[in-house]
Amino acid sequence: MTQELKAGSRWASAADDTEVIVVKPPGAAGITLECGGHPMVPSGTAKPAGVEVDPSSAGGTAIGKRFAHESGLEVLCTKAGAGSVAVDGVPLPLKDAKPLPSSD
């Protein structure tokens, strides 16, 4: 299944309760957004039966956190879950907050 990771598209984990929204699409096609060791499915579609979080991808995802990938992909977690968000099996790092300007 090819994922169309467009800005504003919503994705749900096939293995747990995690849900994300794409803030910025990737610069290149062909990457796979995953959670809990399995490809994510479009939000609102039926999840595959019997899929569980892979223990190696069970770091958890916190609501309100942004994750970024070197391809330019940026996602925002809208519902927390037990699985870790990844691209092609590589966990996504948290996006650093931008520093506020100095008031000096």
PDB file of N, CA and C in Angstrom:
ATOM      1  N   MET A   1       0.838  -1.182   0.000  1.00  0.00           N
ATOM      2  CA  MET A   1       0.000   0.000   0.000  1.00  0.00           C
ATOM      3  C   MET A   1       0.882   1.244   0.000  1.00  0.00           C
ATOM      4  N   THR A   2       0.644   2.143  -0.915  1.00  0.00           N
ATOM      5  CA  THR A   2       1.381   3.395  -0.990  1.00  0.00           C
ATOM      6  C   THR A   2       0.679   4.440  -0.128  1.00  0.00           C
ATOM      7  N   GLN A   3       1.442   5.088   0.732  1.00  0.00           N
ATOM      8  CA  GLN A   3       0.884   6.134   1.584  1.00  0.00           C
ATOM      9  C   GLN A   3       1.048   7.483   0.891  1.00  0.00           C
ATOM     10  N   GLU A   4      -0.037   8.245   0.809  1.00  0.00           N
ATOM     11  CA  GLU A   4       0.033   9.598   0.282  1.00  0.00           C
ATOM     12  C   GLU A   4       0.095  10.546   1.481  1.00  0.00           C
ATOM     13  N   LEU A   5       1.315  10.912   1.848  1.00  0.00           N
ATOM     14  CA  LEU A   5       1.540  11.733   3.027  1.00  0.00           C
ATOM     15  C   LEU A   5       1.444  13.209   2.663  1.00  0.00           C
ATOM     16  N   LYS A   6       0.211  13.701   2.553  1.00  0.00           N
ATOM     17  CA  LYS A   6      -0.047  15.092   2.208  1.00  0.00           C
ATOM     18  C   LYS A   6      -0.239  15.906   3.483  1.00  0.00           C
ATOM     19  N   ALA A   7       0.056  17.188   3.418  1.00  0.00           N
ATOM     20  CA  ALA A   7      -0.161  18.077   4.557  1.00  0.00           C
ATOM     21  C   ALA A   7      -1.629  18.036   4.957  1.00  0.00           C
ATOM     22  N   GLY A   8      -1.890  17.818   6.227  1.00  0.00           N
ATOM     23  CA  GLY A   8      -3.255  17.765   6.738  1.00  0.00           C
ATOM     24  C   GLY A   8      -3.842  16.369   6.781  1.00  0.00           C
ATOM     25  N   SER A   9      -3.164  15.392   6.153  1.00  0.00           N
ATOM     26  CA  SER A   9      -3.708  14.031   6.186  1.00  0.00           C
ATOM     27  C   SER A   9      -3.516  13.430   7.581  1.00  0.00           C
ATOM     28  N   ARG A  10      -4.485  12.630   7.988  1.00  0.00           N
ATOM     29  CA  ARG A  10      -4.466  12.020   9.325  1.00  0.00           C
ATOM     30  C   ARG A  10      -4.194  10.531   9.197  1.00  0.00           C
ATOM     31  N   TRP A  11      -3.354  10.024  10.095  1.00  0.00           N
ATOM     32  CA  TRP A  11      -2.942   8.626  10.070  1.00  0.00           C
ATOM     33  C   TRP A  11      -3.100   8.006  11.451  1.00  0.00           C
ATOM     34  N   ALA A  12      -3.463   6.736  11.477  1.00  0.00           N
ATOM     35  CA  ALA A  12      -3.666   6.002  12.728  1.00  0.00           C
ATOM     36  C   ALA A  12      -2.787   4.755  12.743  1.00  0.00           C
ATOM     37  N   SER A  13      -2.322   4.411  13.922  1.00  0.00           N
ATOM     38  CA  SER A  13      -1.529   3.200  14.069  1.00  0.00           C
ATOM     39  C   SER A  13      -2.412   1.978  13.870  1.00  0.00           C
ATOM     40  N   ALA A  14      -1.865   0.964  13.224  1.00  0.00           N
ATOM     41  CA  ALA A  14      -2.592  -0.297  13.042  1.00  0.00           C
ATOM     42  C   ALA A  14      -2.498  -1.151  14.299  1.00  0.00           C
ATOM     43  N   ALA A  15      -1.578  -0.791  15.217  1.00  0.00           N
ATOM     44  CA  ALA A  15      -1.305  -1.635  16.381  1.00  0.00           C
ATOM     45  C   ALA A  15      -1.781  -1.066  17.714  1.00  0.00           C
ATOM     46  N   ASP A  16      -1.988   0.253  17.797  1.00  0.00           N
ATOM     47  CA  ASP A  16      -2.408   0.845  19.078  1.00  0.00           C
ATOM     48  C   ASP A  16      -3.274   2.079  18.822  1.00  0.00           C
ATOM     49  N   ASP A  17      -3.365   2.974  19.806  1.00  0.00           N
ATOM     50  CA  ASP A  17      -4.250   4.139  19.718  1.00  0.00           C
ATOM     51  C   ASP A  17      -3.600   5.378  19.104  1.00  0.00           C
ATOM     52  N   THR A  18      -2.321   5.327  18.770  1.00  0.00           N
ATOM     53  CA  THR A  18      -1.604   6.498  18.260  1.00  0.00           C
ATOM     54  C   THR A  18      -2.241   7.039  16.981  1.00  0.00           C
ATOM     55  N   GLU A  19      -2.388   8.373  16.930  1.00  0.00           N
ATOM     56  CA  GLU A  19      -2.862   9.051  15.732  1.00  0.00           C
ATOM     57  C   GLU A  19      -1.991  10.276  15.509  1.00  0.00           C
ATOM     58  N   VAL A  20      -1.687  10.568  14.225  1.00  0.00           N
ATOM     59  CA  VAL A  20      -0.875  11.727  13.877  1.00  0.00           C
ATOM     60  C   VAL A  20      -1.511  12.462  12.707  1.00  0.00           C
ATOM     61  N   ILE A  21      -1.084  13.711  12.537  1.00  0.00           N
ATOM     62  CA  ILE A  21      -1.473  14.502  11.379  1.00  0.00           C
ATOM     63  C   ILE A  21      -0.181  14.974  10.717  1.00  0.00           C
ATOM     64  N   VAL A  22      -0.147  14.939   9.394  1.00  0.00           N
ATOM     65  CA  VAL A  22       1.034  15.392   8.659  1.00  0.00           C
ATOM     66  C   VAL A  22       1.022  16.919   8.624  1.00  0.00           C
ATOM     67  N   VAL A  23       2.073  17.524   9.193  1.00  0.00           N
ATOM     68  CA  VAL A  23       2.211  18.977   9.207  1.00  0.00           C
ATOM     69  C   VAL A  23       2.921  19.427   7.936  1.00  0.00           C
ATOM     70  N   LYS A  24       3.997  18.724   7.583  1.00  0.00           N
ATOM     71  CA  LYS A  24       4.732  18.992   6.346  1.00  0.00           C
ATOM     72  C   LYS A  24       4.939  17.666   5.632  1.00  0.00           C
ATOM     73  N   PRO A  25       4.628  17.614   4.342  1.00  0.00           N
ATOM     74  CA  PRO A  25       4.832  16.362   3.595  1.00  0.00           C
ATOM     75  C   PRO A  25       6.319  16.142   3.322  1.00  0.00           C
ATOM     76  N   PRO A  26       6.694  14.896   3.036  1.00  0.00           N
ATOM     77  CA  PRO A  26       8.098  14.626   2.715  1.00  0.00           C
ATOM     78  C   PRO A  26       8.455  15.209   1.350  1.00  0.00           C
ATOM     79  N   GLY A  27       9.740  15.484   1.155  1.00  0.00           N
ATOM     80  CA  GLY A  27      10.197  16.014  -0.126  1.00  0.00           C
ATOM     81  C   GLY A  27      10.218  14.962  -1.218  1.00  0.00           C
ATOM     82  N   ALA A  28      10.305  13.696  -0.824  1.00  0.00           N
ATOM     83  CA  ALA A  28      10.356  12.596  -1.795  1.00  0.00           C
ATOM     84  C   ALA A  28       9.262  11.580  -1.495  1.00  0.00           C
ATOM     85  N   ALA A  29       8.761  10.950  -2.528  1.00  0.00           N
ATOM     86  CA  ALA A  29       7.740   9.912  -2.349  1.00  0.00           C
ATOM     87  C   ALA A  29       8.427   8.593  -2.021  1.00  0.00           C
ATOM     88  N   GLY A  30       7.640   7.633  -1.580  1.00  0.00           N
ATOM     89  CA  GLY A  30       8.164   6.293  -1.366  1.00  0.00           C
ATOM     90  C   GLY A  30       8.589   5.970   0.046  1.00  0.00           C
ATOM     91  N   ILE A  31       8.339   6.866   1.013  1.00  0.00           N
ATOM     92  CA  ILE A  31       8.655   6.523   2.396  1.00  0.00           C
ATOM     93  C   ILE A  31       7.398   5.972   3.058  1.00  0.00           C
ATOM     94  N   THR A  32       7.596   5.162   4.100  1.00  0.00           N
ATOM     95  CA  THR A  32       6.475   4.547   4.799  1.00  0.00           C
ATOM     96  C   THR A  32       6.451   5.017   6.248  1.00  0.00           C
ATOM     97  N   LEU A  33       5.353   5.660   6.641  1.00  0.00           N
ATOM     98  CA  LEU A  33       5.153   6.107   8.014  1.00  0.00           C
ATOM     99  C   LEU A  33       4.657   4.921   8.826  1.00  0.00           C
ATOM    100  N   GLU A  34       5.336   4.640   9.930  1.00  0.00           N
ATOM    101  CA  GLU A  34       5.009   3.478  10.754  1.00  0.00           C
ATOM    102  C   GLU A  34       4.785   3.874  12.205  1.00  0.00           C
ATOM    103  N   CYS A  35       4.125   2.989  12.932  1.00  0.00           N
ATOM    104  CA  CYS A  35       3.965   3.146  14.368  1.00  0.00           C
ATOM    105  C   CYS A  35       3.861   1.757  14.982  1.00  0.00           C
ATOM    106  N   GLY A  36       4.629   1.517  16.027  1.00  0.00           N
ATOM    107  CA  GLY A  36       4.591   0.221  16.687  1.00  0.00           C
ATOM    108  C   GLY A  36       5.139  -0.904  15.826  1.00  0.00           C
ATOM    109  N   GLY A  37       5.941  -0.564  14.807  1.00  0.00           N
ATOM    110  CA  GLY A  37       6.535  -1.568  13.952  1.00  0.00           C
ATOM    111  C   GLY A  37       5.704  -1.951  12.740  1.00  0.00           C
ATOM    112  N   HIS A  38       4.582  -1.247  12.509  1.00  0.00           N
ATOM    113  CA  HIS A  38       3.689  -1.560  11.389  1.00  0.00           C
ATOM    114  C   HIS A  38       3.316  -0.278  10.654  1.00  0.00           C
ATOM    115  N   PRO A  39       3.077  -0.353   9.323  1.00  0.00           N
ATOM    116  CA  PRO A  39       2.661   0.841   8.581  1.00  0.00           C
ATOM    117  C   PRO A  39       1.366   1.432   9.146  1.00  0.00           C
ATOM    118  N   MET A  40       1.315   2.758   9.188  1.00  0.00           N
ATOM    119  CA  MET A  40       0.104   3.428   9.656  1.00  0.00           C
ATOM    120  C   MET A  40      -0.947   3.396   8.543  1.00  0.00           C
ATOM    121  N   VAL A  41      -2.213   3.476   8.955  1.00  0.00           N
ATOM    122  CA  VAL A  41      -3.335   3.451   8.014  1.00  0.00           C
ATOM    123  C   VAL A  41      -4.036   4.803   8.054  1.00  0.00           C
ATOM    124  N   PRO A  42      -4.698   5.203   6.959  1.00  0.00           N
ATOM    125  CA  PRO A  42      -5.432   6.471   6.988  1.00  0.00           C
ATOM    126  C   PRO A  42      -6.460   6.467   8.122  1.00  0.00           C
ATOM    127  N   SER A  43      -6.541   7.568   8.829  1.00  0.00           N
ATOM    128  CA  SER A  43      -7.495   7.679   9.931  1.00  0.00           C
ATOM    129  C   SER A  43      -8.920   7.478   9.423  1.00  0.00           C
ATOM    130  N   GLY A  44      -9.691   6.713  10.158  1.00  0.00           N
ATOM    131  CA  GLY A  44     -11.070   6.454   9.781  1.00  0.00           C
ATOM    132  C   GLY A  44     -11.260   5.184   8.989  1.00  0.00           C
ATOM    133  N   THR A  45     -10.164   4.535   8.597  1.00  0.00           N
ATOM    134  CA  THR A  45     -10.288   3.256   7.883  1.00  0.00           C
ATOM    135  C   THR A  45     -10.148   2.111   8.873  1.00  0.00           C
ATOM    136  N   ALA A  46     -10.586   0.938   8.470  1.00  0.00           N
ATOM    137  CA  ALA A  46     -10.526  -0.239   9.340  1.00  0.00           C
ATOM    138  C   ALA A  46      -9.073  -0.648   9.565  1.00  0.00           C
ATOM    139  N   LYS A  47      -8.764  -0.960  10.812  1.00  0.00           N
ATOM    140  CA  LYS A  47      -7.427  -1.432  11.152  1.00  0.00           C
ATOM    141  C   LYS A  47      -7.352  -2.939  10.943  1.00  0.00           C
ATOM    142  N   PRO A  48      -6.196  -3.457  10.516  1.00  0.00           N
ATOM    143  CA  PRO A  48      -6.061  -4.900  10.344  1.00  0.00           C
ATOM    144  C   PRO A  48      -6.208  -5.616  11.685  1.00  0.00           C
ATOM    145  N   ALA A  49      -6.830  -6.772  11.658  1.00  0.00           N
ATOM    146  CA  ALA A  49      -7.049  -7.540  12.885  1.00  0.00           C
ATOM    147  C   ALA A  49      -5.771  -8.246  13.320  1.00  0.00           C
ATOM    148  N   GLY A  50      -5.603  -8.387  14.632  1.00  0.00           N
ATOM    149  CA  GLY A  50      -4.506  -9.163  15.191  1.00  0.00           C
ATOM    150  C   GLY A  50      -3.149  -8.496  15.165  1.00  0.00           C
ATOM    151  N   VAL A  51      -3.066  -7.217  14.873  1.00  0.00           N
ATOM    152  CA  VAL A  51      -1.787  -6.514  14.834  1.00  0.00           C
ATOM    153  C   VAL A  51      -1.482  -5.967  16.227  1.00  0.00           C
ATOM    154  N   GLU A  52      -0.280  -6.263  16.727  1.00  0.00           N
ATOM    155  CA  GLU A  52       0.141  -5.785  18.043  1.00  0.00           C
ATOM    156  C   GLU A  52       1.421  -4.980  17.918  1.00  0.00           C
ATOM    157  N   VAL A  53       1.683  -4.143  18.914  1.00  0.00           N
ATOM    158  CA  VAL A  53       2.888  -3.322  18.926  1.00  0.00           C
ATOM    159  C   VAL A  53       4.106  -4.230  19.062  1.00  0.00           C
ATOM    160  N   ASP A  54       5.087  -4.043  18.183  1.00  0.00           N
ATOM    161  CA  ASP A  54       6.348  -4.767  18.250  1.00  0.00           C
ATOM    162  C   ASP A  54       7.111  -4.242  19.472  1.00  0.00           C
ATOM    163  N   PRO A  55       7.598  -5.125  20.356  1.00  0.00           N
ATOM    164  CA  PRO A  55       8.309  -4.662  21.556  1.00  0.00           C
ATOM    165  C   PRO A  55       9.504  -3.749  21.253  1.00  0.00           C
ATOM    166  N   SER A  56      10.140  -3.907  20.102  1.00  0.00           N
ATOM    167  CA  SER A  56      11.282  -3.051  19.761  1.00  0.00           C
ATOM    168  C   SER A  56      10.829  -1.653  19.325  1.00  0.00           C
ATOM    169  N   SER A  57       9.524  -1.476  19.097  1.00  0.00           N
ATOM    170  CA  SER A  57       8.967  -0.179  18.685  1.00  0.00           C
ATOM    171  C   SER A  57       7.920   0.305  19.677  1.00  0.00           C
ATOM    172  N   ALA A  58       8.143  -0.019  20.952  1.00  0.00           N
ATOM    173  CA  ALA A  58       7.157   0.315  21.982  1.00  0.00           C
ATOM    174  C   ALA A  58       7.626   1.434  22.910  1.00  0.00           C
ATOM    175  N   GLY A  59       8.240   2.468  22.328  1.00  0.00           N
ATOM    176  CA  GLY A  59       8.726   3.586  23.134  1.00  0.00           C
ATOM    177  C   GLY A  59       7.633   4.560  23.532  1.00  0.00           C
ATOM    178  N   GLY A  60       6.485   4.497  22.861  1.00  0.00           N
ATOM    179  CA  GLY A  60       5.377   5.389  23.168  1.00  0.00           C
ATOM    180  C   GLY A  60       5.450   6.693  22.405  1.00  0.00           C
ATOM    181  N   THR A  61       4.297   7.288  22.197  1.00  0.00           N
ATOM    182  CA  THR A  61       4.178   8.563  21.508  1.00  0.00           C
ATOM    183  C   THR A  61       3.272   9.458  22.341  1.00  0.00           C
ATOM    184  N   ALA A  62       3.759  10.647  22.672  1.00  0.00           N
ATOM    185  CA  ALA A  62       3.007  11.572  23.524  1.00  0.00           C
ATOM    186  C   ALA A  62       2.226  12.566  22.683  1.00  0.00           C
ATOM    187  N   ILE A  63       1.025  12.893  23.144  1.00  0.00           N
ATOM    188  CA  ILE A  63       0.165  13.845  22.448  1.00  0.00           C
ATOM    189  C   ILE A  63       0.815  15.234  22.429  1.00  0.00           C
ATOM    190  N   GLY A  64       0.660  15.930  21.314  1.00  0.00           N
ATOM    191  CA  GLY A  64       1.169  17.284  21.187  1.00  0.00           C
ATOM    192  C   GLY A  64       2.622  17.384  20.770  1.00  0.00           C
ATOM    193  N   LYS A  65       3.299  16.275  20.616  1.00  0.00           N
ATOM    194  CA  LYS A  65       4.716  16.288  20.236  1.00  0.00           C
ATOM    195  C   LYS A  65       4.849  16.228  18.714  1.00  0.00           C
ATOM    196  N   ARG A  66       5.839  16.935  18.196  1.00  0.00           N
ATOM    197  CA  ARG A  66       6.125  16.930  16.760  1.00  0.00           C
ATOM    198  C   ARG A  66       7.358  16.075  16.507  1.00  0.00           C
ATOM    199  N   PHE A  67       7.299  15.351  15.402  1.00  0.00           N
ATOM    200  CA  PHE A  67       8.399  14.493  15.003  1.00  0.00           C
ATOM    201  C   PHE A  67       8.798  14.868  13.583  1.00  0.00           C
ATOM    202  N   ALA A  68      10.107  14.898  13.306  1.00  0.00           N
ATOM    203  CA  ALA A  68      10.584  15.308  11.989  1.00  0.00           C
ATOM    204  C   ALA A  68      11.529  14.260  11.407  1.00  0.00           C
ATOM    205  N   HIS A  69      11.533  14.163  10.079  1.00  0.00           N
ATOM    206  CA  HIS A  69      12.390  13.231   9.350  1.00  0.00           C
ATOM    207  C   HIS A  69      13.245  14.023   8.387  1.00  0.00           C
ATOM    208  N   GLU A  70      14.405  13.492   8.041  1.00  0.00           N
ATOM    209  CA  GLU A  70      15.329  14.183   7.132  1.00  0.00           C
ATOM    210  C   GLU A  70      14.744  14.437   5.747  1.00  0.00           C
ATOM    211  N   SER A  71      13.688  13.704   5.374  1.00  0.00           N
ATOM    212  CA  SER A  71      13.039  13.903   4.072  1.00  0.00           C
ATOM    213  C   SER A  71      12.192  15.170   4.039  1.00  0.00           C
ATOM    214  N   GLY A  72      12.020  15.801   5.203  1.00  0.00           N
ATOM    215  CA  GLY A  72      11.168  16.978   5.303  1.00  0.00           C
ATOM    216  C   GLY A  72       9.837  16.678   5.969  1.00  0.00           C
ATOM    217  N   LEU A  73       9.521  15.388   6.123  1.00  0.00           N
ATOM    218  CA  LEU A  73       8.258  14.988   6.759  1.00  0.00           C
ATOM    219  C   LEU A  73       8.226  15.465   8.203  1.00  0.00           C
ATOM    220  N   GLU A  74       7.104  16.058   8.582  1.00  0.00           N
ATOM    221  CA  GLU A  74       6.881  16.471   9.972  1.00  0.00           C
ATOM    222  C   GLU A  74       5.474  16.061  10.352  1.00  0.00           C
ATOM    223  N   VAL A  75       5.338  15.355  11.479  1.00  0.00           N
ATOM    224  CA  VAL A  75       4.026  14.920  11.952  1.00  0.00           C
ATOM    225  C   VAL A  75       3.801  15.404  13.376  1.00  0.00           C
ATOM    226  N   LEU A  76       2.540  15.605  13.720  1.00  0.00           N
ATOM    227  CA  LEU A  76       2.120  16.023  15.053  1.00  0.00           C
ATOM    228  C   LEU A  76       1.252  14.927  15.632  1.00  0.00           C
ATOM    229  N   CYS A  77       1.573  14.474  16.847  1.00  0.00           N
ATOM    230  CA  CYS A  77       0.787  13.433  17.490  1.00  0.00           C
ATOM    231  C   CYS A  77      -0.502  14.047  18.052  1.00  0.00           C
ATOM    232  N   THR A  78      -1.652  13.529  17.612  1.00  0.00           N
ATOM    233  CA  THR A  78      -2.944  14.039  18.064  1.00  0.00           C
ATOM    234  C   THR A  78      -3.622  13.092  19.050  1.00  0.00           C
ATOM    235  N   LYS A  79      -3.104  11.861  19.174  1.00  0.00           N
ATOM    236  CA  LYS A  79      -3.616  10.902  20.142  1.00  0.00           C
ATOM    237  C   LYS A  79      -2.461  10.004  20.549  1.00  0.00           C
ATOM    238  N   ALA A  80      -2.197   9.925  21.848  1.00  0.00           N
ATOM    239  CA  ALA A  80      -1.069   9.163  22.362  1.00  0.00           C
ATOM    240  C   ALA A  80      -1.294   7.661  22.252  1.00  0.00           C
ATOM    241  N   GLY A  81      -0.187   6.934  22.231  1.00  0.00           N
ATOM    242  CA  GLY A  81      -0.259   5.486  22.170  1.00  0.00           C
ATOM    243  C   GLY A  81       1.042   4.857  22.624  1.00  0.00           C
ATOM    244  N   ALA A  82       1.075   3.515  22.655  1.00  0.00           N
ATOM    245  CA  ALA A  82       2.232   2.778  23.146  1.00  0.00           C
ATOM    246  C   ALA A  82       3.337   2.613  22.113  1.00  0.00           C
ATOM    247  N   GLY A  83       3.012   2.740  20.831  1.00  0.00           N
ATOM    248  CA  GLY A  83       3.996   2.529  19.776  1.00  0.00           C
ATOM    249  C   GLY A  83       4.799   3.781  19.478  1.00  0.00           C
ATOM    250  N   SER A  84       6.001   3.578  18.937  1.00  0.00           N
ATOM    251  CA  SER A  84       6.862   4.684  18.517  1.00  0.00           C
ATOM    252  C   SER A  84       6.630   4.963  17.039  1.00  0.00           C
ATOM    253  N   VAL A  85       6.647   6.259  16.671  1.00  0.00           N
ATOM    254  CA  VAL A  85       6.481   6.657  15.281  1.00  0.00           C
ATOM    255  C   VAL A  85       7.829   6.514  14.580  1.00  0.00           C
ATOM    256  N   ALA A  86       7.802   5.959  13.358  1.00  0.00           N
ATOM    257  CA  ALA A  86       9.031   5.721  12.605  1.00  0.00           C
ATOM    258  C   ALA A  86       8.782   5.911  11.114  1.00  0.00           C
ATOM    259  N   VAL A  87       9.862   6.030  10.361  1.00  0.00           N
ATOM    260  CA  VAL A  87       9.817   6.042   8.902  1.00  0.00           C
ATOM    261  C   VAL A  87      10.737   4.933   8.424  1.00  0.00           C
ATOM    262  N   ASP A  88      10.164   4.001   7.679  1.00  0.00           N
ATOM    263  CA  ASP A  88      10.921   2.863   7.139  1.00  0.00           C
ATOM    264  C   ASP A  88      11.732   2.150   8.220  1.00  0.00           C
ATOM    265  N   GLY A  89      11.141   1.993   9.401  1.00  0.00           N
ATOM    266  CA  GLY A  89      11.773   1.254  10.489  1.00  0.00           C
ATOM    267  C   GLY A  89      12.716   2.053  11.367  1.00  0.00           C
ATOM    268  N   VAL A  90      12.971   3.320  11.030  1.00  0.00           N
ATOM    269  CA  VAL A  90      13.869   4.168  11.814  1.00  0.00           C
ATOM    270  C   VAL A  90      13.024   5.133  12.651  1.00  0.00           C
ATOM    271  N   PRO A  91      13.143   5.062  13.995  1.00  0.00           N
ATOM    272  CA  PRO A  91      12.333   5.947  14.848  1.00  0.00           C
ATOM    273  C   PRO A  91      12.537   7.423  14.522  1.00  0.00           C
ATOM    274  N   LEU A  92      11.436   8.171  14.549  1.00  0.00           N
ATOM    275  CA  LEU A  92      11.507   9.609  14.284  1.00  0.00           C
ATOM    276  C   LEU A  92      11.906  10.342  15.564  1.00  0.00           C
ATOM    277  N   PRO A  93      12.860  11.260  15.465  1.00  0.00           N
ATOM    278  CA  PRO A  93      13.230  12.049  16.641  1.00  0.00           C
ATOM    279  C   PRO A  93      12.223  13.178  16.870  1.00  0.00           C
ATOM    280  N   LEU A  94      12.120  13.602  18.119  1.00  0.00           N
ATOM    281  CA  LEU A  94      11.294  14.762  18.444  1.00  0.00           C
ATOM    282  C   LEU A  94      11.881  15.989  17.763  1.00  0.00           C
ATOM    283  N   LYS A  95      11.017  16.858  17.293  1.00  0.00           N
ATOM    284  CA  LYS A  95      11.475  18.105  16.685  1.00  0.00           C
ATOM    285  C   LYS A  95      11.811  19.076  17.810  1.00  0.00           C
ATOM    286  N   ASP A  96      12.973  19.696  17.711  1.00  0.00           N
ATOM    287  CA  ASP A  96      13.396  20.665  18.723  1.00  0.00           C
ATOM    288  C   ASP A  96      12.554  21.927  18.644  1.00  0.00           C
ATOM    289  N   ALA A  97      12.296  22.499  19.793  1.00  0.00           N
ATOM    290  CA  ALA A  97      11.556  23.762  19.841  1.00  0.00           C
ATOM    291  C   ALA A  97      12.447  24.893  19.345  1.00  0.00           C
ATOM    292  N   LYS A  98      11.848  25.847  18.673  1.00  0.00           N
ATOM    293  CA  LYS A  98      12.609  26.998  18.211  1.00  0.00           C
ATOM    294  C   LYS A  98      12.882  27.907  19.402  1.00  0.00           C
ATOM    295  N   PRO A  99      14.119  28.391  19.532  1.00  0.00           N
ATOM    296  CA  PRO A  99      14.418  29.297  20.666  1.00  0.00           C
ATOM    297  C   PRO A  99      13.718  30.641  20.473  1.00  0.00           C
ATOM    298  N   LEU A 100      13.242  31.181  21.561  1.00  0.00           N
ATOM    299  CA  LEU A 100      12.606  32.506  21.523  1.00  0.00           C
ATOM    300  C   LEU A 100      13.653  33.576  21.374  1.00  0.00           C
ATOM    301  N   PRO A 101      13.318  34.678  20.731  1.00  0.00           N
ATOM    302  CA  PRO A 101      14.303  35.756  20.588  1.00  0.00           C
ATOM    303  C   PRO A 101      14.610  36.380  21.957  1.00  0.00           C
ATOM    304  N   SER A 102      15.796  36.872  22.061  1.00  0.00           N
ATOM    305  CA  SER A 102      16.243  37.500  23.305  1.00  0.00           C
ATOM    306  C   SER A 102      15.481  38.815  23.500  1.00  0.00           C
ATOM    307  N   SER A 103      15.171  39.142  24.732  1.00  0.00           N
ATOM    308  CA  SER A 103      14.469  40.393  25.016  1.00  0.00           C
ATOM    309  C   SER A 103      15.408  41.461  25.548  1.00  0.00           C
ATOM    310  N   ASP A 104      16.699  41.223  25.405  1.00  0.00           N
ATOM    311  CA  ASP A 104      17.707  42.197  25.900  1.00  0.00           C
ATOM    312  C   ASP A 104      17.707  43.456  25.097  1.00  0.00           C
TER     313      ASP A 104
END
